[in-house]
Amino acid sequence: MAIDYTTTALVSSIKRRASVPTSQSLFETTDFNAILTDEMQSIIVPMILAEQQDFFVHSKDIAIDGAVKSFDIPSRSIGMKLKDVGFYNPVNNDFESKPRMPLSDYGDPGGDYIKSLGGFYLEGSKISFTEAPSNTSDKLRAYFYRRPNNLVAENKAAKVTSIDTASKTLTFGSMPSAWTTATVFDIIKGKPGFNSLSDDLSITTKDSLTLTFAETLPTDIAVGDWVAENGESPIAQIPYSAFPLLAQLGAVKVLESLGDLKGMQMGQAKFDVLVQNFLRTINKRVDSSPKKIINRNGVFSSVRRRFRT
């Protein structure tokens, strides 16, 4: 029997853990998913990030026009936090990392150290340079920690049953009737680790069971993947081994809402045990590969990395 990764299974798990009768009227499916979203974003995601194992890392390439000197941090970045910033050359597949400098080094009486050391500074939610980058054949690449999408019921998304890459058309077994050609979409991997394959896609046409996209479909899309409105997902975009923790947190919240203090305390104790077991599974993702410390010629030096296509 295939594993059910969707919010349907998570909600069922909450009900089992909290002994919530199916006939209760206090919580609707939307309420369960809202609880799961809150607990995922406020507790599970920070817990995973704290292990520093590069979960949630994505990249975005931003065009350089020679005039703009400040660029938006990707809007889906958790806490507007970046992992790395630099220039990517698509011709030779080369990435040159740039150092982040403190704002105090901009216009210092001793000189503009940000410019002289080839760095950037953060200005609110902007990646800023003292002068507009002139290397217009490159892209500004931002590596960031992508925020998982908010959780919705299965019937608020559509599961891919057929793919036509030439026409950029996806077919589904069912599809929300509320979607229109103005709706913006995300495509989410249907198997662990539930990556976002593409964000913020627009469509040109919509039929009863098909969507035709304006943009090229991701090369790794497969039958069984999901399409949802941008920022939403019928699958929690966290490691599958964290699903029991998320369901347990949901159960604790439900028990709190029901006024079951004893049940809530027991549920919290169970969660504490689950956390320790979960952290043991993720705190070292590559067991036989010790981390190497590399001297890259000083803290202010650019770092070049070449990627294979």
Protein backbone atom coordinates (compact mmCIF):
# COMPACT_ATOMS: atom_id res chain seq x y z
CA MET A 1 0.00 0.00 0.00
CA ALA A 2 1.36 3.38 -1.01
CA ILE A 3 2.30 5.82 1.75
CA ASP A 4 -0.05 8.75 2.12
CA TYR A 5 2.15 11.84 2.53
CA THR A 6 -0.70 14.35 2.38
CA THR A 7 -2.39 16.49 4.98
CA THR A 8 -5.23 13.95 4.99
CA ALA A 9 -2.91 11.48 6.73
CA LEU A 10 -1.54 14.17 9.07
CA VAL A 11 -5.04 15.23 10.17
CA SER A 12 -5.97 11.58 10.75
CA SER A 13 -2.83 11.18 12.86
CA ILE A 14 -3.81 14.19 14.99
CA LYS A 15 -7.24 12.70 15.62
CA ARG A 16 -5.75 9.35 16.68
CA ARG A 17 -3.17 10.95 18.96
CA ALA A 18 -5.69 13.26 20.64
CA SER A 19 -8.57 10.75 20.55
CA VAL A 20 -10.71 13.32 18.73
CA PRO A 21 -14.06 11.79 17.72
CA THR A 22 -14.89 12.05 14.04
CA SER A 23 -18.30 13.48 14.99
CA GLN A 24 -16.83 16.53 16.80
CA SER A 25 -17.77 19.95 15.41
CA LEU A 26 -15.13 22.16 17.04
CA PHE A 27 -12.45 21.62 14.37
CA GLU A 28 -12.97 21.69 10.61
CA THR A 29 -10.35 20.35 8.20
CA THR A 30 -9.23 23.93 7.53
CA ASP A 31 -8.69 24.38 11.29
CA PHE A 32 -6.51 21.27 11.51
CA ASN A 33 -4.42 22.44 8.56
CA ALA A 34 -4.08 25.93 10.03
CA ILE A 35 -2.86 24.39 13.31
CA LEU A 36 -0.39 22.17 11.43
CA THR A 37 0.90 25.16 9.46
CA ASP A 38 1.42 27.26 12.59
CA GLU A 39 3.27 24.47 14.41
CA MET A 40 5.38 23.63 11.36
CA GLN A 41 6.48 27.21 10.71
CA SER A 42 7.04 28.21 14.34
CA ILE A 43 8.54 25.03 15.84
CA ILE A 44 9.50 22.33 13.33
CA VAL A 45 11.25 24.54 10.77
CA PRO A 46 13.43 26.44 13.31
CA MET A 47 14.32 23.12 14.95
CA ILE A 48 15.52 21.69 11.65
CA LEU A 49 17.41 24.87 10.72
CA ALA A 50 19.23 24.83 14.06
CA GLU A 51 20.91 21.54 13.07
CA GLN A 52 22.68 23.38 10.18
CA GLN A 53 22.34 20.48 7.75
CA ASP A 54 21.22 22.58 4.75
CA PHE A 55 17.60 21.51 4.68
CA PHE A 56 15.38 23.99 2.79
CA VAL A 57 18.31 25.44 0.76
CA HIS A 58 17.21 26.84 -2.60
CA SER A 59 18.76 29.29 -5.04
CA LYS A 60 17.42 32.13 -7.13
CA ASP A 61 19.18 33.80 -10.06
CA ILE A 62 18.50 37.50 -10.51
CA ALA A 63 19.23 39.43 -13.72
CA ILE A 64 21.91 42.15 -13.64
CA ASP A 65 21.26 45.19 -15.85
CA GLY A 66 24.22 47.39 -14.91
CA ALA A 67 21.98 50.04 -13.33
CA VAL A 68 20.36 48.42 -10.30
CA LYS A 69 22.55 48.16 -7.21
CA SER A 70 20.03 46.74 -4.70
CA PHE A 71 18.23 43.42 -5.15
CA ASP A 72 15.37 41.88 -3.18
CA ILE A 73 16.11 38.95 -0.92
CA PRO A 74 13.82 36.13 -2.20
CA SER A 75 10.39 36.63 -0.64
CA ARG A 76 10.15 32.99 0.45
CA SER A 77 13.36 33.15 2.46
CA ILE A 78 12.86 32.08 6.09
CA GLY A 79 13.45 35.17 8.20
CA MET A 80 14.88 36.97 5.16
CA LYS A 81 17.99 34.85 5.82
CA LEU A 82 20.60 34.05 3.17
CA LYS A 83 23.13 31.23 3.00
CA ASP A 84 25.38 32.67 0.29
CA VAL A 85 25.43 35.40 -2.35
CA GLY A 86 27.57 35.75 -5.44
CA PHE A 87 27.75 35.96 -9.21
CA TYR A 88 26.89 32.99 -11.42
CA ASN A 89 28.16 32.74 -14.98
CA PRO A 90 25.84 30.49 -16.99
CA VAL A 91 28.35 30.08 -19.83
CA ASN A 92 31.15 28.44 -17.85
CA ASN A 93 28.90 27.32 -14.96
CA ASP A 94 31.03 29.22 -12.47
CA PHE A 95 29.89 30.72 -9.16
CA GLU A 96 31.91 33.41 -7.37
CA SER A 97 30.80 33.89 -3.77
CA LYS A 98 30.98 37.43 -2.37
CA PRO A 99 31.53 38.40 1.27
CA ARG A 100 28.89 40.15 3.32
CA MET A 101 30.28 43.36 4.82
CA PRO A 102 28.88 45.46 7.68
CA LEU A 103 27.03 48.58 6.65
CA SER A 104 29.51 50.61 8.69
CA ASP A 105 32.13 49.85 6.02
CA TYR A 106 30.13 51.88 3.49
CA GLY A 107 31.52 55.40 3.25
CA ASP A 108 33.99 54.89 6.09
CA PRO A 109 36.47 57.80 6.36
CA GLY A 110 39.23 55.34 5.52
CA GLY A 111 37.55 54.33 2.29
CA ASP A 112 34.66 52.31 0.88
CA TYR A 113 35.73 48.89 2.10
CA ILE A 114 32.63 47.20 0.74
CA LYS A 115 33.57 48.20 -2.78
CA SER A 116 37.32 47.65 -2.44
CA LEU A 117 36.85 44.16 -0.97
CA GLY A 118 34.21 43.18 -3.54
CA GLY A 119 31.45 42.62 -1.02
CA PHE A 120 27.82 43.46 -0.43
CA TYR A 121 25.80 44.63 2.55
CA LEU A 122 22.25 43.98 3.74
CA GLU A 123 19.80 46.85 3.80
CA GLY A 124 16.53 45.63 5.31
CA SER A 125 15.31 43.01 2.85
CA LYS A 126 17.79 44.06 0.14
CA ILE A 127 21.14 42.75 -1.07
CA SER A 128 23.03 45.96 -1.82
CA PHE A 129 26.27 46.94 -3.53
CA THR A 130 27.83 50.39 -3.33
CA GLU A 131 27.82 50.49 -7.13
CA ALA A 132 25.59 48.63 -9.57
CA PRO A 133 27.27 45.40 -10.72
CA SER A 134 28.45 45.82 -14.31
CA ASN A 135 28.88 42.13 -15.18
CA THR A 136 25.57 41.92 -17.03
CA SER A 137 26.41 38.54 -18.61
CA ASP A 138 26.29 37.03 -15.10
CA LYS A 139 23.39 36.49 -12.71
CA LEU A 140 23.27 37.48 -9.08
CA ARG A 141 22.67 34.15 -7.35
CA ALA A 142 21.17 34.10 -3.86
CA TYR A 143 21.20 30.87 -1.87
CA PHE A 144 18.51 31.01 0.78
CA TYR A 145 16.44 28.86 3.12
CA ARG A 146 13.04 28.49 1.45
CA ARG A 147 10.01 28.63 3.71
CA PRO A 148 7.76 25.55 3.37
CA ASN A 149 4.35 26.27 1.89
CA ASN A 150 1.30 26.57 4.13
CA LEU A 151 -0.74 23.39 4.39
CA VAL A 152 -4.07 22.83 2.67
CA ALA A 153 -6.40 19.90 2.09
CA GLU A 154 -5.90 17.61 -0.89
CA ASN A 155 -8.99 19.01 -2.60
CA LYS A 156 -7.33 22.44 -2.66
CA ALA A 157 -4.58 21.05 -4.91
CA ALA A 158 -4.29 18.77 -7.94
CA LYS A 159 -2.23 15.60 -8.42
CA VAL A 160 -0.46 15.20 -11.76
CA THR A 161 -1.62 12.19 -13.80
CA SER A 162 -0.13 13.09 -17.20
CA ILE A 163 2.59 15.42 -18.50
CA ASP A 164 3.04 16.95 -21.96
CA THR A 165 6.30 18.89 -21.80
CA ALA A 166 6.08 20.05 -25.43
CA SER A 167 2.79 21.87 -24.90
CA LYS A 168 3.60 22.63 -21.22
CA THR A 169 0.33 20.97 -20.20
CA LEU A 170 -0.44 18.97 -17.05
CA THR A 171 -3.46 16.72 -16.61
CA PHE A 172 -5.06 15.84 -13.25
CA GLY A 173 -7.62 13.41 -11.89
CA SER A 174 -9.45 16.31 -10.27
CA MET A 175 -8.84 20.02 -9.89
CA PRO A 176 -10.25 22.86 -7.75
CA SER A 177 -13.04 24.64 -9.60
CA ALA A 178 -12.01 27.99 -8.09
CA TRP A 179 -8.79 28.10 -10.12
CA THR A 180 -8.70 30.55 -13.02
CA THR A 181 -6.16 31.71 -15.59
CA ALA A 182 -5.22 34.44 -13.10
CA THR A 183 -4.20 31.90 -10.42
CA VAL A 184 -0.47 31.55 -9.75
CA PHE A 185 0.89 28.08 -8.99
CA ASP A 186 3.65 26.10 -7.30
CA ILE A 187 4.67 22.58 -8.32
CA ILE A 188 5.60 20.32 -5.39
CA LYS A 189 7.38 16.97 -5.48
CA GLY A 190 5.05 14.19 -4.38
CA LYS A 191 7.81 12.10 -2.80
CA PRO A 192 10.35 12.86 -0.04
CA GLY A 193 11.79 15.49 0.37
CA PHE A 194 8.75 17.25 -1.15
CA ASN A 195 10.84 19.95 -2.85
CA SER A 196 9.35 22.88 -4.66
CA LEU A 197 10.06 22.13 -8.32
CA SER A 198 8.86 25.56 -9.50
CA ASP A 199 7.37 28.57 -7.76
CA ASP A 200 4.98 31.27 -8.93
CA LEU A 201 4.05 29.85 -12.32
CA SER A 202 1.34 31.39 -14.49
CA ILE A 203 -0.93 29.60 -16.95
CA THR A 204 -2.31 30.44 -20.36
CA THR A 205 -5.33 28.12 -20.48
CA LYS A 206 -7.41 26.04 -18.07
CA ASP A 207 -9.81 23.23 -18.91
CA SER A 208 -11.75 20.97 -16.57
CA LEU A 209 -8.76 18.69 -15.86
CA THR A 210 -5.77 20.40 -17.52
CA LEU A 211 -3.56 23.43 -17.05
CA THR A 212 -1.28 24.83 -19.75
CA PHE A 213 1.60 26.83 -18.32
CA ALA A 214 3.25 29.95 -19.69
CA GLU A 215 6.66 28.85 -18.41
CA THR A 216 8.61 25.71 -19.27
CA LEU A 217 7.79 22.82 -16.96
CA PRO A 218 10.55 21.62 -14.61
CA THR A 219 12.60 18.82 -16.13
CA ASP A 220 12.20 16.59 -13.08
CA ILE A 221 8.41 16.80 -12.81
CA ALA A 222 6.74 13.38 -12.60
CA VAL A 223 3.33 11.79 -12.38
CA GLY A 224 2.28 11.93 -8.73
CA ASP A 225 3.63 15.45 -8.12
CA TRP A 226 1.25 18.17 -6.96
CA VAL A 227 0.17 21.58 -8.21
CA ALA A 228 -1.21 24.08 -5.72
CA GLU A 229 -1.78 27.80 -5.46
CA ASN A 230 1.45 29.63 -4.77
CA GLY A 231 2.42 29.43 -1.12
CA GLU A 232 0.22 26.37 -0.48
CA SER A 233 0.86 22.62 -0.43
CA PRO A 234 -1.12 19.45 0.36
CA ILE A 235 2.15 17.93 1.68
CA ALA A 236 4.30 19.26 4.51
CA GLN A 237 7.63 20.26 2.92
CA ILE A 238 9.74 18.93 5.77
CA PRO A 239 11.62 15.60 6.16
CA TYR A 240 9.16 12.72 6.32
CA SER A 241 10.67 11.62 9.65
CA ALA A 242 9.39 14.93 11.09
CA PHE A 243 5.76 14.14 10.22
CA PRO A 244 5.11 12.36 13.57
CA LEU A 245 6.46 15.41 15.43
CA LEU A 246 4.19 17.72 13.48
CA ALA A 247 1.15 15.51 14.10
CA GLN A 248 2.02 15.30 17.80
CA LEU A 249 2.28 19.09 18.04
CA GLY A 250 -1.11 19.32 16.37
CA ALA A 251 -2.55 16.88 18.90
CA VAL A 252 -1.13 18.89 21.82
CA LYS A 253 -2.69 22.06 20.43
CA VAL A 254 -6.06 20.36 19.96
CA LEU A 255 -6.00 18.98 23.52
CA GLU A 256 -5.18 22.45 24.80
CA SER A 257 -8.16 23.88 22.90
CA LEU A 258 -10.42 21.17 24.33
CA GLY A 259 -9.30 22.03 27.86
CA ASP A 260 -7.78 18.58 28.45
CA LEU A 261 -4.85 19.68 30.63
CA LYS A 262 -3.73 16.16 31.56
CA GLY A 263 -3.91 14.97 27.97
CA MET A 264 -1.99 18.03 26.81
CA GLN A 265 0.79 17.42 29.34
CA MET A 266 1.06 13.76 28.31
CA GLY A 267 1.11 14.80 24.67
CA GLN A 268 3.88 17.31 25.32
CA ALA A 269 5.97 14.67 27.10
CA LYS A 270 5.53 12.37 24.10
CA PHE A 271 6.60 15.19 21.79
CA ASP A 272 9.79 15.75 23.81
CA VAL A 273 10.74 12.10 23.31
CA LEU A 274 9.99 12.27 19.58
CA VAL A 275 12.18 15.38 19.23
CA GLN A 276 15.25 13.65 20.62
CA ASN A 277 14.80 10.67 18.31
CA PHE A 278 14.19 12.91 15.31
CA LEU A 279 17.27 15.05 15.90
CA ARG A 280 19.42 11.92 16.00
CA THR A 281 18.28 11.11 12.47
CA ILE A 282 19.20 14.48 10.92
CA ASN A 283 22.11 15.94 12.87
CA LYS A 284 24.67 14.42 10.51
CA ARG A 285 23.37 13.84 7.00
CA VAL A 286 26.51 12.22 5.56
CA ASP A 287 27.92 9.85 8.18
CA SER A 288 31.14 8.80 6.43
CA SER A 289 32.15 12.20 5.13
CA PRO A 290 33.92 14.33 7.75
CA LYS A 291 33.58 18.04 7.23
CA LYS A 292 36.79 19.63 5.96
CA ILE A 293 37.92 23.09 7.05
CA ILE A 294 39.37 24.89 4.04
CA ASN A 295 41.43 28.09 4.16
CA ARG A 296 40.13 30.15 1.27
CA ASN A 297 42.80 32.84 1.58
CA GLY A 298 41.10 34.97 4.18
CA VAL A 299 37.65 36.04 5.21
CA PHE A 300 37.29 38.76 2.58
CA SER A 301 38.32 36.69 -0.42
CA SER A 302 35.82 35.70 -3.06
CA VAL A 303 35.19 31.98 -3.45
CA ARG A 304 34.80 30.40 -6.86
CA ARG A 305 32.84 27.22 -7.39
CA ARG A 306 32.30 25.50 -10.69
CA PHE A 307 29.18 23.44 -11.21
CA ARG A 308 28.70 20.55 -13.56
CA THR A 309 25.75 20.84 -15.90
